[in-house]
């Protein structure tokens, strides 16, 4: 305690939109929402 993590869950936002999340972590410093992607290779950001 007080560390918690929830993996692969859905929630409905106030907009009515269903959101899928990969990982939500609760620690003393706050909540962290992580989206995990499994793409191999090099990634380049083009905005």
ModelCIF file with pLDDT and N, C-alpha, C, O atoms, coordinates in Angstrom:
data_MODEL
#
_entry.id   MODEL 
#
_entity.id                         1 
_entity.type                       polymer 
_entity.pdbx_number_of_molecules   1 
#
_entity_poly.entity_id                      1 
_entity_poly.type                           'polypeptide(L)' 
_entity_poly.nstd_linkage                   no 
_entity_poly.nstd_monomer                   no 
_entity_poly.pdbx_seq_one_letter_code       
;(UNK)(UNK)(UNK)(UNK)(UNK)(UNK)(UNK)(UNK)(UNK)(UNK)(UNK)(UNK)(UNK)(UNK)(UNK)(UNK)
(UNK)(UNK)(UNK)(UNK)(UNK)(UNK)(UNK)(UNK)(UNK)(UNK)(UNK)(UNK)(UNK)(UNK)(UNK)(UNK)
(UNK)(UNK)(UNK)(UNK)(UNK)(UNK)(UNK)(UNK)(UNK)(UNK)(UNK)(UNK)(UNK)(UNK)(UNK)
;
_entity_poly.pdbx_seq_one_letter_code_can   XXXXXXXXXXXXXXXXXXXXXXXXXXXXXXXXXXXXXXXXXXXXXXX 
_entity_poly.pdbx_strand_id                 A 
#
loop_
_entity_poly_seq.entity_id 
_entity_poly_seq.num 
_entity_poly_seq.mon_id 
_entity_poly_seq.hetero 
1 1  UNK n 
1 2  UNK n 
1 3  UNK n 
1 4  UNK n 
1 5  UNK n 
1 6  UNK n 
1 7  UNK n 
1 8  UNK n 
1 9  UNK n 
1 10 UNK n 
1 11 UNK n 
1 12 UNK n 
1 13 UNK n 
1 14 UNK n 
1 15 UNK n 
1 16 UNK n 
1 17 UNK n 
1 18 UNK n 
1 19 UNK n 
1 20 UNK n 
1 21 UNK n 
1 22 UNK n 
1 23 UNK n 
1 24 UNK n 
1 25 UNK n 
1 26 UNK n 
1 27 UNK n 
1 28 UNK n 
1 29 UNK n 
1 30 UNK n 
1 31 UNK n 
1 32 UNK n 
1 33 UNK n 
1 34 UNK n 
1 35 UNK n 
1 36 UNK n 
1 37 UNK n 
1 38 UNK n 
1 39 UNK n 
1 40 UNK n 
1 41 UNK n 
1 42 UNK n 
1 43 UNK n 
1 44 UNK n 
1 45 UNK n 
1 46 UNK n 
1 47 UNK n 
#
_struct_asym.id          A 
_struct_asym.entity_id   1 
#
loop_
_ma_qa_metric.id 
_ma_qa_metric.mode 
_ma_qa_metric.name 
_ma_qa_metric.software_group_id 
_ma_qa_metric.type 
1 global pLDDT . pLDDT 
2 local  pLDDT . pLDDT 
#
_ma_qa_metric_global.metric_id      1 
_ma_qa_metric_global.metric_value   88.19 
_ma_qa_metric_global.model_id       1 
_ma_qa_metric_global.ordinal_id     1 
#
loop_
_ma_qa_metric_local.label_asym_id 
_ma_qa_metric_local.label_comp_id 
_ma_qa_metric_local.label_seq_id 
_ma_qa_metric_local.metric_id 
_ma_qa_metric_local.metric_value 
_ma_qa_metric_local.model_id 
_ma_qa_metric_local.ordinal_id 
A UNK 1  2 82.00 1 1  
A UNK 2  2 85.00 1 2  
A UNK 3  2 89.00 1 3  
A UNK 4  2 90.00 1 4  
A UNK 5  2 90.00 1 5  
A UNK 6  2 91.00 1 6  
A UNK 7  2 93.00 1 7  
A UNK 8  2 92.00 1 8  
A UNK 9  2 90.00 1 9  
A UNK 10 2 91.00 1 10 
A UNK 11 2 88.00 1 11 
A UNK 12 2 89.00 1 12 
A UNK 13 2 85.00 1 13 
A UNK 14 2 85.00 1 14 
A UNK 15 2 86.00 1 15 
A UNK 16 2 89.00 1 16 
A UNK 17 2 88.00 1 17 
A UNK 18 2 92.00 1 18 
A UNK 19 2 88.00 1 19 
A UNK 20 2 90.00 1 20 
A UNK 21 2 88.00 1 21 
A UNK 22 2 92.00 1 22 
A UNK 23 2 92.00 1 23 
A UNK 24 2 89.00 1 24 
A UNK 25 2 91.00 1 25 
A UNK 26 2 89.00 1 26 
A UNK 27 2 91.00 1 27 
A UNK 28 2 89.00 1 28 
A UNK 29 2 90.00 1 29 
A UNK 30 2 88.00 1 30 
A UNK 31 2 87.00 1 31 
A UNK 32 2 89.00 1 32 
A UNK 33 2 86.00 1 33 
A UNK 34 2 87.00 1 34 
A UNK 35 2 85.00 1 35 
A UNK 36 2 86.00 1 36 
A UNK 37 2 81.00 1 37 
A UNK 38 2 82.00 1 38 
A UNK 39 2 81.00 1 39 
A UNK 40 2 82.00 1 40 
A UNK 41 2 87.00 1 41 
A UNK 42 2 92.00 1 42 
A UNK 43 2 90.00 1 43 
A UNK 44 2 92.00 1 44 
A UNK 45 2 90.00 1 45 
A UNK 46 2 89.00 1 46 
A UNK 47 2 87.00 1 47 
#
loop_
_atom_site.group_PDB 
_atom_site.id 
_atom_site.type_symbol 
_atom_site.label_atom_id 
_atom_site.label_alt_id 
_atom_site.label_comp_id 
_atom_site.label_asym_id 
_atom_site.label_entity_id 
_atom_site.label_seq_id 
_atom_site.pdbx_PDB_ins_code 
_atom_site.Cartn_x 
_atom_site.Cartn_y 
_atom_site.Cartn_z 
_atom_site.occupancy 
_atom_site.B_iso_or_equiv 
_atom_site.pdbx_formal_charge 
_atom_site.auth_seq_id 
_atom_site.auth_comp_id 
_atom_site.auth_asym_id 
_atom_site.auth_atom_id 
_atom_site.pdbx_PDB_model_num 
ATOM 1   N N  . UNK A 1 1  ? 0.859   -1.195 0.000   1.00 82.00 ? 1  UNK A N  1 
ATOM 2   C CA . UNK A 1 1  ? 0.000   0.000  0.000   1.00 82.00 ? 1  UNK A CA 1 
ATOM 3   C C  . UNK A 1 1  ? 0.889   1.237  0.000   1.00 82.00 ? 1  UNK A C  1 
ATOM 4   O O  . UNK A 1 1  ? 1.967   1.168  0.591   1.00 82.00 ? 1  UNK A O  1 
ATOM 5   N N  . UNK A 1 2  ? 0.542   2.317  -0.589  1.00 85.00 ? 2  UNK A N  1 
ATOM 6   C CA . UNK A 1 2  ? -0.691  2.622  -1.300  1.00 85.00 ? 2  UNK A CA 1 
ATOM 7   C C  . UNK A 1 2  ? -0.554  2.507  -2.816  1.00 85.00 ? 2  UNK A C  1 
ATOM 8   O O  . UNK A 1 2  ? -1.266  3.203  -3.539  1.00 85.00 ? 2  UNK A O  1 
ATOM 9   N N  . UNK A 1 3  ? 0.327   1.662  -3.315  1.00 89.00 ? 3  UNK A N  1 
ATOM 10  C CA . UNK A 1 3  ? 0.577   1.537  -4.747  1.00 89.00 ? 3  UNK A CA 1 
ATOM 11  C C  . UNK A 1 3  ? -0.444  0.595  -5.387  1.00 89.00 ? 3  UNK A C  1 
ATOM 12  O O  . UNK A 1 3  ? -0.732  -0.480 -4.861  1.00 89.00 ? 3  UNK A O  1 
ATOM 13  N N  . UNK A 1 4  ? -0.980  1.016  -6.524  1.00 90.00 ? 4  UNK A N  1 
ATOM 14  C CA . UNK A 1 4  ? -1.980  0.219  -7.235  1.00 90.00 ? 4  UNK A CA 1 
ATOM 15  C C  . UNK A 1 4  ? -1.762  0.374  -8.732  1.00 90.00 ? 4  UNK A C  1 
ATOM 16  O O  . UNK A 1 4  ? -1.219  1.380  -9.189  1.00 90.00 ? 4  UNK A O  1 
ATOM 17  N N  . UNK A 1 5  ? -2.191  -0.637 -9.498  1.00 90.00 ? 5  UNK A N  1 
ATOM 18  C CA . UNK A 1 5  ? -2.156  -0.558 -10.955 1.00 90.00 ? 5  UNK A CA 1 
ATOM 19  C C  . UNK A 1 5  ? -3.342  -1.325 -11.522 1.00 90.00 ? 5  UNK A C  1 
ATOM 20  O O  . UNK A 1 5  ? -3.703  -2.391 -11.021 1.00 90.00 ? 5  UNK A O  1 
ATOM 21  N N  . UNK A 1 6  ? -3.940  -0.775 -12.565 1.00 91.00 ? 6  UNK A N  1 
ATOM 22  C CA . UNK A 1 6  ? -5.050  -1.421 -13.266 1.00 91.00 ? 6  UNK A CA 1 
ATOM 23  C C  . UNK A 1 6  ? -4.654  -1.510 -14.727 1.00 91.00 ? 6  UNK A C  1 
ATOM 24  O O  . UNK A 1 6  ? -4.235  -0.519 -15.325 1.00 91.00 ? 6  UNK A O  1 
ATOM 25  N N  . UNK A 1 7  ? -4.785  -2.703 -15.302 1.00 93.00 ? 7  UNK A N  1 
ATOM 26  C CA . UNK A 1 7  ? -4.373  -2.915 -16.685 1.00 93.00 ? 7  UNK A CA 1 
ATOM 27  C C  . UNK A 1 7  ? -5.561  -3.276 -17.565 1.00 93.00 ? 7  UNK A C  1 
ATOM 28  O O  . UNK A 1 7  ? -6.484  -3.969 -17.139 1.00 93.00 ? 7  UNK A O  1 
ATOM 29  N N  . UNK A 1 8  ? -5.516  -2.798 -18.783 1.00 92.00 ? 8  UNK A N  1 
ATOM 30  C CA . UNK A 1 8  ? -6.473  -3.130 -19.835 1.00 92.00 ? 8  UNK A CA 1 
ATOM 31  C C  . UNK A 1 8  ? -7.913  -2.997 -19.348 1.00 92.00 ? 8  UNK A C  1 
ATOM 32  O O  . UNK A 1 8  ? -8.569  -3.989 -19.031 1.00 92.00 ? 8  UNK A O  1 
ATOM 33  N N  . UNK A 1 9  ? -8.386  -1.778 -19.295 1.00 90.00 ? 9  UNK A N  1 
ATOM 34  C CA . UNK A 1 9  ? -9.754  -1.532 -18.842 1.00 90.00 ? 9  UNK A CA 1 
ATOM 35  C C  . UNK A 1 9  ? -10.410 -0.475 -19.717 1.00 90.00 ? 9  UNK A C  1 
ATOM 36  O O  . UNK A 1 9  ? -9.740  0.237  -20.465 1.00 90.00 ? 9  UNK A O  1 
ATOM 37  N N  . UNK A 1 10 ? -11.722 -0.385 -19.613 1.00 91.00 ? 10 UNK A N  1 
ATOM 38  C CA . UNK A 1 10 ? -12.497 0.611  -20.347 1.00 91.00 ? 10 UNK A CA 1 
ATOM 39  C C  . UNK A 1 10 ? -13.255 1.478  -19.360 1.00 91.00 ? 10 UNK A C  1 
ATOM 40  O O  . UNK A 1 10 ? -13.601 1.036  -18.265 1.00 91.00 ? 10 UNK A O  1 
ATOM 41  N N  . UNK A 1 11 ? -13.509 2.716  -19.760 1.00 88.00 ? 11 UNK A N  1 
ATOM 42  C CA . UNK A 1 11 ? -14.374 3.600  -18.989 1.00 88.00 ? 11 UNK A CA 1 
ATOM 43  C C  . UNK A 1 11 ? -15.097 4.520  -19.956 1.00 88.00 ? 11 UNK A C  1 
ATOM 44  O O  . UNK A 1 11 ? -14.610 4.803  -21.050 1.00 88.00 ? 11 UNK A O  1 
ATOM 45  N N  . UNK A 1 12 ? -16.254 4.977  -19.539 1.00 89.00 ? 12 UNK A N  1 
ATOM 46  C CA . UNK A 1 12 ? -17.039 5.887  -20.364 1.00 89.00 ? 12 UNK A CA 1 
ATOM 47  C C  . UNK A 1 12 ? -16.842 7.305  -19.853 1.00 89.00 ? 12 UNK A C  1 
ATOM 48  O O  . UNK A 1 12 ? -17.067 7.587  -18.676 1.00 89.00 ? 12 UNK A O  1 
ATOM 49  N N  . UNK A 1 13 ? -16.426 8.187  -20.735 1.00 85.00 ? 13 UNK A N  1 
ATOM 50  C CA . UNK A 1 13 ? -16.211 9.581  -20.371 1.00 85.00 ? 13 UNK A CA 1 
ATOM 51  C C  . UNK A 1 13 ? -17.531 10.326 -20.283 1.00 85.00 ? 13 UNK A C  1 
ATOM 52  O O  . UNK A 1 13 ? -18.569 9.804  -20.690 1.00 85.00 ? 13 UNK A O  1 
ATOM 53  N N  . UNK A 1 14 ? -17.501 11.546 -19.752 1.00 85.00 ? 14 UNK A N  1 
ATOM 54  C CA . UNK A 1 14 ? -18.703 12.373 -19.662 1.00 85.00 ? 14 UNK A CA 1 
ATOM 55  C C  . UNK A 1 14 ? -19.311 12.631 -21.040 1.00 85.00 ? 14 UNK A C  1 
ATOM 56  O O  . UNK A 1 14 ? -20.507 12.897 -21.153 1.00 85.00 ? 14 UNK A O  1 
ATOM 57  N N  . UNK A 1 15 ? -18.498 12.552 -22.070 1.00 86.00 ? 15 UNK A N  1 
ATOM 58  C CA . UNK A 1 15 ? -18.967 12.764 -23.436 1.00 86.00 ? 15 UNK A CA 1 
ATOM 59  C C  . UNK A 1 15 ? -19.769 11.573 -23.953 1.00 86.00 ? 15 UNK A C  1 
ATOM 60  O O  . UNK A 1 15 ? -20.421 11.659 -24.993 1.00 86.00 ? 15 UNK A O  1 
ATOM 61  N N  . UNK A 1 16 ? -19.715 10.455 -23.216 1.00 89.00 ? 16 UNK A N  1 
ATOM 62  C CA . UNK A 1 16 ? -20.363 9.225  -23.662 1.00 89.00 ? 16 UNK A CA 1 
ATOM 63  C C  . UNK A 1 16 ? -19.425 8.335  -24.465 1.00 89.00 ? 16 UNK A C  1 
ATOM 64  O O  . UNK A 1 16 ? -19.797 7.229  -24.858 1.00 89.00 ? 16 UNK A O  1 
ATOM 65  N N  . UNK A 1 17 ? -18.222 8.813  -24.706 1.00 88.00 ? 17 UNK A N  1 
ATOM 66  C CA . UNK A 1 17 ? -17.235 8.063  -25.472 1.00 88.00 ? 17 UNK A CA 1 
ATOM 67  C C  . UNK A 1 17 ? -16.621 6.968  -24.604 1.00 88.00 ? 17 UNK A C  1 
ATOM 68  O O  . UNK A 1 17 ? -16.252 7.214  -23.455 1.00 88.00 ? 17 UNK A O  1 
ATOM 69  N N  . UNK A 1 18 ? -16.511 5.759  -25.155 1.00 92.00 ? 18 UNK A N  1 
ATOM 70  C CA . UNK A 1 18 ? -15.874 4.653  -24.445 1.00 92.00 ? 18 UNK A CA 1 
ATOM 71  C C  . UNK A 1 18 ? -14.377 4.721  -24.722 1.00 92.00 ? 18 UNK A C  1 
ATOM 72  O O  . UNK A 1 18 ? -13.944 4.736  -25.874 1.00 92.00 ? 18 UNK A O  1 
ATOM 73  N N  . UNK A 1 19 ? -13.599 4.761  -23.651 1.00 88.00 ? 19 UNK A N  1 
ATOM 74  C CA . UNK A 1 19 ? -12.144 4.847  -23.744 1.00 88.00 ? 19 UNK A CA 1 
ATOM 75  C C  . UNK A 1 19 ? -11.527 3.540  -23.289 1.00 88.00 ? 19 UNK A C  1 
ATOM 76  O O  . UNK A 1 19 ? -11.950 2.960  -22.289 1.00 88.00 ? 19 UNK A O  1 
ATOM 77  N N  . UNK A 1 20 ? -10.534 3.082  -24.015 1.00 90.00 ? 20 UNK A N  1 
ATOM 78  C CA . UNK A 1 20 ? -9.752  1.928  -23.596 1.00 90.00 ? 20 UNK A CA 1 
ATOM 79  C C  . UNK A 1 20 ? -8.413  2.435  -23.091 1.00 90.00 ? 20 UNK A C  1 
ATOM 80  O O  . UNK A 1 20 ? -7.797  3.306  -23.705 1.00 90.00 ? 20 UNK A O  1 
ATOM 81  N N  . UNK A 1 21 ? -7.966  1.887  -21.969 1.00 88.00 ? 21 UNK A N  1 
ATOM 82  C CA . UNK A 1 21 ? -6.671  2.272  -21.423 1.00 88.00 ? 21 UNK A CA 1 
ATOM 83  C C  . UNK A 1 21 ? -5.843  1.037  -21.165 1.00 88.00 ? 21 UNK A C  1 
ATOM 84  O O  . UNK A 1 21 ? -6.362  -0.015 -20.792 1.00 88.00 ? 21 UNK A O  1 
ATOM 85  N N  . UNK A 1 22 ? -4.541  1.182  -21.371 1.00 92.00 ? 22 UNK A N  1 
ATOM 86  C CA . UNK A 1 22 ? -3.638  0.057  -21.170 1.00 92.00 ? 22 UNK A CA 1 
ATOM 87  C C  . UNK A 1 22 ? -3.230  -0.103 -19.711 1.00 92.00 ? 22 UNK A C  1 
ATOM 88  O O  . UNK A 1 22 ? -3.195  -1.218 -19.193 1.00 92.00 ? 22 UNK A O  1 
ATOM 89  N N  . UNK A 1 23 ? -2.919  1.017  -19.044 1.00 92.00 ? 23 UNK A N  1 
ATOM 90  C CA . UNK A 1 23 ? -2.427  0.919  -17.677 1.00 92.00 ? 23 UNK A CA 1 
ATOM 91  C C  . UNK A 1 23 ? -2.660  2.225  -16.926 1.00 92.00 ? 23 UNK A C  1 
ATOM 92  O O  . UNK A 1 23 ? -2.335  3.302  -17.427 1.00 92.00 ? 23 UNK A O  1 
ATOM 93  N N  . UNK A 1 24 ? -3.222  2.127  -15.729 1.00 89.00 ? 24 UNK A N  1 
ATOM 94  C CA . UNK A 1 24 ? -3.395  3.262  -14.822 1.00 89.00 ? 24 UNK A CA 1 
ATOM 95  C C  . UNK A 1 24 ? -2.665  2.909  -13.541 1.00 89.00 ? 24 UNK A C  1 
ATOM 96  O O  . UNK A 1 24 ? -2.940  1.879  -12.924 1.00 89.00 ? 24 UNK A O  1 
ATOM 97  N N  . UNK A 1 25 ? -1.738  3.761  -13.142 1.00 91.00 ? 25 UNK A N  1 
ATOM 98  C CA . UNK A 1 25 ? -0.920  3.508  -11.954 1.00 91.00 ? 25 UNK A CA 1 
ATOM 99  C C  . UNK A 1 25 ? -1.194  4.600  -10.931 1.00 91.00 ? 25 UNK A C  1 
ATOM 100 O O  . UNK A 1 25 ? -1.164  5.787  -11.257 1.00 91.00 ? 25 UNK A O  1 
ATOM 101 N N  . UNK A 1 26 ? -1.465  4.191  -9.678  1.00 89.00 ? 26 UNK A N  1 
ATOM 102 C CA . UNK A 1 26 ? -1.665  5.126  -8.568  1.00 89.00 ? 26 UNK A CA 1 
ATOM 103 C C  . UNK A 1 26 ? -0.496  4.970  -7.605  1.00 89.00 ? 26 UNK A C  1 
ATOM 104 O O  . UNK A 1 26 ? -0.258  3.888  -7.070  1.00 89.00 ? 26 UNK A O  1 
ATOM 105 N N  . UNK A 1 27 ? 0.231   6.064  -7.392  1.00 91.00 ? 27 UNK A N  1 
ATOM 106 C CA . UNK A 1 27 ? 1.356   6.083  -6.459  1.00 91.00 ? 27 UNK A CA 1 
ATOM 107 C C  . UNK A 1 27 ? 1.233   7.344  -5.607  1.00 91.00 ? 27 UNK A C  1 
ATOM 108 O O  . UNK A 1 27 ? 0.341   8.162  -5.832  1.00 91.00 ? 27 UNK A O  1 
ATOM 109 N N  . UNK A 1 28 ? 2.108   7.498  -4.648  1.00 89.00 ? 28 UNK A N  1 
ATOM 110 C CA . UNK A 1 28 ? 2.051   8.666  -3.771  1.00 89.00 ? 28 UNK A CA 1 
ATOM 111 C C  . UNK A 1 28 ? 2.126   9.973  -4.552  1.00 89.00 ? 28 UNK A C  1 
ATOM 112 O O  . UNK A 1 28 ? 1.532   10.969 -4.139  1.00 89.00 ? 28 UNK A O  1 
ATOM 113 N N  . UNK A 1 29 ? 2.842   9.986  -5.665  1.00 90.00 ? 29 UNK A N  1 
ATOM 114 C CA . UNK A 1 29 ? 3.026   11.201 -6.447  1.00 90.00 ? 29 UNK A CA 1 
ATOM 115 C C  . UNK A 1 29 ? 1.874   11.533 -7.377  1.00 90.00 ? 29 UNK A C  1 
ATOM 116 O O  . UNK A 1 29 ? 1.877   12.597 -7.995  1.00 90.00 ? 29 UNK A O  1 
ATOM 117 N N  . UNK A 1 30 ? 0.880   10.645 -7.496  1.00 88.00 ? 30 UNK A N  1 
ATOM 118 C CA . UNK A 1 30 ? -0.263  10.930 -8.357  1.00 88.00 ? 30 UNK A CA 1 
ATOM 119 C C  . UNK A 1 30 ? -0.706  9.725  -9.160  1.00 88.00 ? 30 UNK A C  1 
ATOM 120 O O  . UNK A 1 30 ? -0.340  8.585  -8.873  1.00 88.00 ? 30 UNK A O  1 
ATOM 121 N N  . UNK A 1 31 ? -1.504  10.012 -10.172 1.00 87.00 ? 31 UNK A N  1 
ATOM 122 C CA . UNK A 1 31 ? -2.007  8.979  -11.078 1.00 87.00 ? 31 UNK A CA 1 
ATOM 123 C C  . UNK A 1 31 ? -1.306  9.123  -12.421 1.00 87.00 ? 31 UNK A C  1 
ATOM 124 O O  . UNK A 1 31 ? -1.069  10.235 -12.893 1.00 87.00 ? 31 UNK A O  1 
ATOM 125 N N  . UNK A 1 32 ? -0.978  7.992  -13.031 1.00 89.00 ? 32 UNK A N  1 
ATOM 126 C CA . UNK A 1 32 ? -0.309  7.988  -14.322 1.00 89.00 ? 32 UNK A CA 1 
ATOM 127 C C  . UNK A 1 32 ? -1.070  7.073  -15.268 1.00 89.00 ? 32 UNK A C  1 
ATOM 128 O O  . UNK A 1 32 ? -1.294  5.902  -14.964 1.00 89.00 ? 32 UNK A O  1 
ATOM 129 N N  . UNK A 1 33 ? -1.467  7.612  -16.417 1.00 86.00 ? 33 UNK A N  1 
ATOM 130 C CA . UNK A 1 33 ? -2.157  6.852  -17.443 1.00 86.00 ? 33 UNK A CA 1 
ATOM 131 C C  . UNK A 1 33 ? -1.143  6.535  -18.535 1.00 86.00 ? 33 UNK A C  1 
ATOM 132 O O  . UNK A 1 33 ? -0.582  7.442  -19.149 1.00 86.00 ? 33 UNK A O  1 
ATOM 133 N N  . UNK A 1 34 ? -0.909  5.256  -18.773 1.00 87.00 ? 34 UNK A N  1 
ATOM 134 C CA . UNK A 1 34 ? 0.067   4.837  -19.773 1.00 87.00 ? 34 UNK A CA 1 
ATOM 135 C C  . UNK A 1 34 ? -0.629  4.158  -20.939 1.00 87.00 ? 34 UNK A C  1 
ATOM 136 O O  . UNK A 1 34 ? -1.510  3.318  -20.751 1.00 87.00 ? 34 UNK A O  1 
ATOM 137 N N  . UNK A 1 35 ? -0.233  4.523  -22.118 1.00 85.00 ? 35 UNK A N  1 
ATOM 138 C CA . UNK A 1 35 ? -0.687  3.863  -23.336 1.00 85.00 ? 35 UNK A CA 1 
ATOM 139 C C  . UNK A 1 35 ? 0.518   3.133  -23.900 1.00 85.00 ? 35 UNK A C  1 
ATOM 140 O O  . UNK A 1 35 ? 1.552   3.742  -24.174 1.00 85.00 ? 35 UNK A O  1 
ATOM 141 N N  . UNK A 1 36 ? 0.383   1.848  -24.070 1.00 86.00 ? 36 UNK A N  1 
ATOM 142 C CA . UNK A 1 36 ? 1.490   1.017  -24.524 1.00 86.00 ? 36 UNK A CA 1 
ATOM 143 C C  . UNK A 1 36 ? 1.310   0.666  -26.000 1.00 86.00 ? 36 UNK A C  1 
ATOM 144 O O  . UNK A 1 36 ? 0.213   0.306  -26.429 1.00 86.00 ? 36 UNK A O  1 
ATOM 145 N N  . UNK A 1 37 ? 2.371   0.772  -26.760 1.00 81.00 ? 37 UNK A N  1 
ATOM 146 C CA . UNK A 1 37 ? 2.354   0.430  -28.178 1.00 81.00 ? 37 UNK A CA 1 
ATOM 147 C C  . UNK A 1 37 ? 3.470   -0.565 -28.452 1.00 81.00 ? 37 UNK A C  1 
ATOM 148 O O  . UNK A 1 37 ? 4.575   -0.428 -27.926 1.00 81.00 ? 37 UNK A O  1 
ATOM 149 N N  . UNK A 1 38 ? 3.188   -1.548 -29.260 1.00 82.00 ? 38 UNK A N  1 
ATOM 150 C CA . UNK A 1 38 ? 4.158   -2.602 -29.534 1.00 82.00 ? 38 UNK A CA 1 
ATOM 151 C C  . UNK A 1 38 ? 4.611   -2.614 -30.981 1.00 82.00 ? 38 UNK A C  1 
ATOM 152 O O  . UNK A 1 38 ? 4.516   -3.641 -31.653 1.00 82.00 ? 38 UNK A O  1 
ATOM 153 N N  . UNK A 1 39 ? 5.100   -1.493 -31.463 1.00 81.00 ? 39 UNK A N  1 
ATOM 154 C CA . UNK A 1 39 ? 5.568   -1.413 -32.839 1.00 81.00 ? 39 UNK A CA 1 
ATOM 155 C C  . UNK A 1 39 ? 7.091   -1.540 -32.862 1.00 81.00 ? 39 UNK A C  1 
ATOM 156 O O  . UNK A 1 39 ? 7.788   -0.753 -32.222 1.00 81.00 ? 39 UNK A O  1 
ATOM 157 N N  . UNK A 1 40 ? 7.602   -2.516 -33.586 1.00 82.00 ? 40 UNK A N  1 
ATOM 158 C CA . UNK A 1 40 ? 9.067   -2.669 -33.640 1.00 82.00 ? 40 UNK A CA 1 
ATOM 159 C C  . UNK A 1 40 ? 9.709   -1.614 -34.525 1.00 82.00 ? 40 UNK A C  1 
ATOM 160 O O  . UNK A 1 40 ? 9.040   -0.972 -35.335 1.00 82.00 ? 40 UNK A O  1 
ATOM 161 N N  . UNK A 1 41 ? 11.006  -1.444 -34.363 1.00 87.00 ? 41 UNK A N  1 
ATOM 162 C CA . UNK A 1 41 ? 11.752  -0.537 -35.230 1.00 87.00 ? 41 UNK A CA 1 
ATOM 163 C C  . UNK A 1 41 ? 11.935  0.840  -34.639 1.00 87.00 ? 41 UNK A C  1 
ATOM 164 O O  . UNK A 1 41 ? 11.788  1.047  -33.435 1.00 87.00 ? 41 UNK A O  1 
ATOM 165 N N  . UNK A 1 42 ? 12.254  1.763  -35.498 1.00 92.00 ? 42 UNK A N  1 
ATOM 166 C CA . UNK A 1 42 ? 12.541  3.148  -35.120 1.00 92.00 ? 42 UNK A CA 1 
ATOM 167 C C  . UNK A 1 42 ? 11.293  3.984  -35.348 1.00 92.00 ? 42 UNK A C  1 
ATOM 168 O O  . UNK A 1 42 ? 10.592  3.804  -36.344 1.00 92.00 ? 42 UNK A O  1 
ATOM 169 N N  . UNK A 1 43 ? 11.014  4.901  -34.422 1.00 90.00 ? 43 UNK A N  1 
ATOM 170 C CA . UNK A 1 43 ? 9.853   5.780  -34.566 1.00 90.00 ? 43 UNK A CA 1 
ATOM 171 C C  . UNK A 1 43 ? 10.334  7.203  -34.836 1.00 90.00 ? 43 UNK A C  1 
ATOM 172 O O  . UNK A 1 43 ? 11.296  7.679  -34.233 1.00 90.00 ? 43 UNK A O  1 
ATOM 173 N N  . UNK A 1 44 ? 9.638   7.871  -35.762 1.00 92.00 ? 44 UNK A N  1 
ATOM 174 C CA . UNK A 1 44 ? 9.956   9.254  -36.113 1.00 92.00 ? 44 UNK A CA 1 
ATOM 175 C C  . UNK A 1 44 ? 8.680   10.070 -35.965 1.00 92.00 ? 44 UNK A C  1 
ATOM 176 O O  . UNK A 1 44 ? 7.639   9.717  -36.518 1.00 92.00 ? 44 UNK A O  1 
ATOM 177 N N  . UNK A 1 45 ? 8.768   11.160 -35.216 1.00 90.00 ? 45 UNK A N  1 
ATOM 178 C CA . UNK A 1 45 ? 7.625   12.044 -34.993 1.00 90.00 ? 45 UNK A CA 1 
ATOM 179 C C  . UNK A 1 45 ? 7.608   13.102 -36.084 1.00 90.00 ? 45 UNK A C  1 
ATOM 180 O O  . UNK A 1 45 ? 8.588   13.818 -36.288 1.00 90.00 ? 45 UNK A O  1 
ATOM 181 N N  . UNK A 1 46 ? 6.474   13.192 -36.786 1.00 89.00 ? 46 UNK A N  1 
ATOM 182 C CA . UNK A 1 46 ? 6.295   14.215 -37.814 1.00 89.00 ? 46 UNK A CA 1 
ATOM 183 C C  . UNK A 1 46 ? 5.159   15.160 -37.421 1.00 89.00 ? 46 UNK A C  1 
ATOM 184 O O  . UNK A 1 46 ? 4.397   15.603 -38.281 1.00 89.00 ? 46 UNK A O  1 
ATOM 185 N N  . UNK A 1 47 ? 5.044   15.469 -36.138 1.00 87.00 ? 47 UNK A N  1 
ATOM 186 C CA . UNK A 1 47 ? 3.988   16.366 -35.665 1.00 87.00 ? 47 UNK A CA 1 
ATOM 187 C C  . UNK A 1 47 ? 2.658   15.652 -35.547 1.00 87.00 ? 47 UNK A C  1 
ATOM 188 O O  . UNK A 1 47 ? 1.661   16.264 -35.162 1.00 87.00 ? 47 UNK A O  1 
#
